[in-house]
Structure formats: structure tokens, C-alpha cells
Amino acid sequence: MFLPVWIVLLGVLPYATGLGPLACLSLATILAAAAVVVFERRRARREARPAGGPPAARRPMSPLTAAALTLGVVVLLIYVVFVIRAS
């Protein structure tokens, strides 16, 4: 869900706000992450309590997911640093 929202925001934000590329990249990333957090929390609430019983046990994050998230954040951070240095 993050990637489609992020791509749409990257296309819309420059025209809607008039901000520069780095500001739009940062804002799109923050807004897309916030949208994913809100969506996942709402989905978790609907699935958490089946028929008024105790909440379901949460599954821990898999090591592969944690590695992918960490790598994604590092790549994004490196990209932003190089864009700032280039300008």
C-alpha cells in the first residue's frame, strides 16, 4: 500500500503545493507512511476482537520484513543525503 500512495503523492504534491523536489519527496514519504500506519491500525482493530472475545495474539515481525524495512530506510536516507549535496 505504501508504494502506490507514495507515487501518487509524488505526482500530485508539486502541482498542489508548489514545493521543490526535496520537500515534495519528504512530504510524500511522511504522508504515505502515516497513511499506512492509519490503515494498518484500523485493519488490526477490526480483526482483533472476534465476537467480543479476547483480542487475538499479535504475530511478531519476520526477520525478512525487518531487514527489508531497514534497507529501505537506509536507501532512502542515502538518496536524500546525496540529493541535498548535489543541490
Protein backbone atom coordinates (compact mmCIF):
# COMPACT_ATOMS: atom_id res chain seq x y z
CA MET A 1 0.00 0.00 0.00
CA PHE A 2 2.89 2.38 0.70
CA LEU A 3 4.33 2.46 -2.80
CA PRO A 4 1.14 3.36 -4.74
CA VAL A 5 0.24 6.09 -2.25
CA TRP A 6 3.79 7.42 -2.34
CA ILE A 7 3.90 7.52 -6.15
CA VAL A 8 0.56 9.32 -6.35
CA LEU A 9 1.69 11.86 -3.77
CA LEU A 10 4.95 12.42 -5.64
CA GLY A 11 2.94 13.24 -8.74
CA VAL A 12 0.35 15.45 -7.04
CA LEU A 13 2.31 17.39 -4.42
CA PRO A 14 4.48 19.56 -6.73
CA TYR A 15 1.39 20.89 -8.50
CA ALA A 16 -0.76 21.18 -5.38
CA THR A 17 1.80 22.86 -3.14
CA GLY A 18 4.42 24.43 -5.40
CA LEU A 19 7.21 22.97 -3.25
CA GLY A 20 10.58 21.85 -4.59
CA PRO A 21 11.58 18.26 -5.32
CA LEU A 22 13.23 17.52 -1.96
CA ALA A 23 10.36 18.99 0.03
CA CYS A 24 7.83 17.00 -2.03
CA LEU A 25 9.87 13.81 -1.59
CA SER A 26 10.00 14.28 2.17
CA LEU A 27 6.34 15.26 2.48
CA ALA A 28 5.19 12.38 0.25
CA THR A 29 7.23 9.90 2.29
CA ILE A 30 5.85 11.17 5.60
CA LEU A 31 2.24 11.26 4.37
CA ALA A 32 2.45 7.80 2.78
CA ALA A 33 3.95 6.33 5.97
CA ALA A 34 1.19 7.97 8.02
CA ALA A 35 -1.46 6.57 5.67
CA VAL A 36 -0.04 3.06 6.03
CA VAL A 37 0.07 3.34 9.84
CA VAL A 38 -3.55 4.54 10.00
CA PHE A 39 -4.71 1.84 7.58
CA GLU A 40 -2.93 -0.96 9.45
CA ARG A 41 -4.21 0.19 12.84
CA ARG A 42 -7.79 0.31 11.58
CA ARG A 43 -7.44 -3.13 10.00
CA ALA A 44 -5.92 -4.56 13.17
CA ARG A 45 -8.79 -3.23 15.28
CA ARG A 46 -11.40 -4.87 13.07
CA GLU A 47 -9.63 -8.23 13.20
CA ALA A 48 -8.51 -8.07 16.82
CA ARG A 49 -11.72 -8.95 18.66
CA PRO A 50 -13.71 -11.76 17.15
CA ALA A 51 -17.26 -11.73 18.60
CA GLY A 52 -16.35 -9.81 21.75
CA GLY A 53 -13.77 -12.36 22.89
CA PRO A 54 -10.21 -11.66 23.92
CA PRO A 55 -8.01 -9.95 21.34
CA ALA A 56 -6.07 -12.20 19.02
CA ALA A 57 -2.37 -12.71 19.67
CA ARG A 58 -0.11 -10.46 17.60
CA ARG A 59 2.41 -12.05 15.31
CA PRO A 60 5.97 -10.76 15.57
CA MET A 61 7.61 -9.19 12.55
CA SER A 62 9.57 -11.65 10.46
CA PRO A 63 13.33 -11.13 10.12
CA LEU A 64 12.95 -10.73 6.35
CA THR A 65 10.42 -7.91 6.80
CA ALA A 66 12.62 -6.18 9.36
CA ALA A 67 15.62 -6.40 7.04
CA ALA A 68 13.61 -5.04 4.10
CA LEU A 69 12.30 -2.12 6.15
CA THR A 70 15.77 -1.31 7.45
CA LEU A 71 17.29 -1.49 3.98
CA GLY A 72 14.53 0.70 2.56
CA VAL A 73 15.07 3.38 5.20
CA VAL A 74 18.85 3.33 4.68
CA VAL A 75 18.48 3.61 0.90
CA LEU A 76 16.01 6.49 1.24
CA LEU A 77 18.29 8.27 3.70
CA ILE A 78 21.32 7.87 1.42
CA TYR A 79 19.28 9.13 -1.54
CA VAL A 80 18.12 12.21 0.36
CA VAL A 81 21.68 12.98 1.54
CA PHE A 82 23.04 12.77 -2.00
CA VAL A 83 20.22 14.92 -3.38
CA ILE A 84 20.96 17.59 -0.75
CA ARG A 85 24.69 17.52 -1.57
CA ALA A 86 24.04 17.73 -5.29
CA SER A 87 21.96 20.88 -4.98
